[in-house]
């Protein structure tokens, strides 16, 4: 097990974190990386924002389709 993630690995884990619960080791390594890398921290924020916006759009579309 590597102690530090590369930015590429951190991006992958940030993406996976949106779909599943990361293991304790994965969360720890990711937290260490994010504590040192502002770019990856920004990437994670952007990913969460996009996911939230897409979810809100999907909810809005389903409620609009139900209206006559």
Protein backbone atom coordinates (compact mmCIF):
# COMPACT_ATOMS: atom_id res chain seq x y z
CA UNK A 1 0.00 0.00 0.00
CA UNK A 2 1.38 3.36 -1.02
CA UNK A 3 1.26 6.01 1.65
CA UNK A 4 0.55 8.93 -0.69
CA UNK A 5 -1.84 9.08 -3.61
CA UNK A 6 -0.82 10.77 -6.82
CA UNK A 7 -3.19 13.41 -8.17
CA UNK A 8 -4.47 10.88 -10.71
CA UNK A 9 -5.23 8.38 -7.93
CA UNK A 10 -6.86 11.10 -5.82
CA UNK A 11 -9.12 12.10 -8.72
CA UNK A 12 -10.14 8.46 -9.15
CA UNK A 13 -10.93 8.09 -5.43
CA UNK A 14 -12.87 11.37 -5.37
CA UNK A 15 -14.99 10.06 -8.23
CA UNK A 16 -15.43 6.64 -6.57
CA UNK A 17 -16.43 8.36 -3.33
CA UNK A 18 -19.51 9.75 -5.08
CA UNK A 19 -20.68 6.22 -5.92
CA UNK A 20 -19.59 4.10 -2.96
CA UNK A 21 -18.25 4.34 0.56
CA UNK A 22 -14.45 4.32 0.52
CA UNK A 23 -12.59 2.07 2.93
CA UNK A 24 -10.88 3.57 5.96
CA UNK A 25 -7.47 3.23 4.28
CA UNK A 26 -8.73 4.91 1.10
CA UNK A 27 -10.36 7.76 3.03
CA UNK A 28 -7.21 8.28 5.10
CA UNK A 29 -4.91 8.35 2.09
CA UNK A 30 -7.27 10.68 0.24
CA UNK A 31 -7.52 13.03 3.23
CA UNK A 32 -3.71 13.19 3.47
CA UNK A 33 -3.44 14.00 -0.23
CA UNK A 34 -6.19 16.63 -0.10
CA UNK A 35 -4.50 18.25 2.89
CA UNK A 36 -1.46 18.89 0.71
CA UNK A 37 -3.01 19.45 -2.73
CA UNK A 38 -5.27 22.43 -3.32
CA UNK A 39 -5.86 21.44 -6.94
CA UNK A 40 -7.36 18.08 -5.99
CA UNK A 41 -9.38 19.70 -3.21
CA UNK A 42 -10.87 22.06 -5.82
CA UNK A 43 -11.51 19.11 -8.14
CA UNK A 44 -13.43 17.31 -5.38
CA UNK A 45 -15.54 20.40 -4.70
CA UNK A 46 -16.32 20.73 -8.40
CA UNK A 47 -17.29 17.06 -8.65
CA UNK A 48 -19.68 17.33 -5.70
CA UNK A 49 -21.19 20.56 -7.11
CA UNK A 50 -21.76 18.99 -10.51
CA UNK A 51 -23.31 15.88 -8.93
CA UNK A 52 -25.66 18.02 -6.83
CA UNK A 53 -26.68 20.15 -9.83
CA UNK A 54 -27.37 17.08 -11.95
CA UNK A 55 -29.45 15.56 -9.16
CA UNK A 56 -31.49 18.78 -8.84
CA UNK A 57 -31.98 18.91 -12.61
CA UNK A 58 -33.19 15.32 -12.66
CA UNK A 59 -35.63 15.99 -9.82
CA UNK A 60 -36.89 19.11 -11.59
CA UNK A 61 -37.43 17.27 -14.86
CA UNK A 62 -39.37 14.45 -13.21
CA UNK A 63 -41.68 16.91 -11.42
CA UNK A 64 -42.16 18.95 -14.64
CA UNK A 65 -43.17 15.82 -16.56
CA UNK A 66 -45.89 15.08 -14.02
CA UNK A 67 -47.58 18.46 -14.61
CA UNK A 68 -50.37 18.64 -17.25
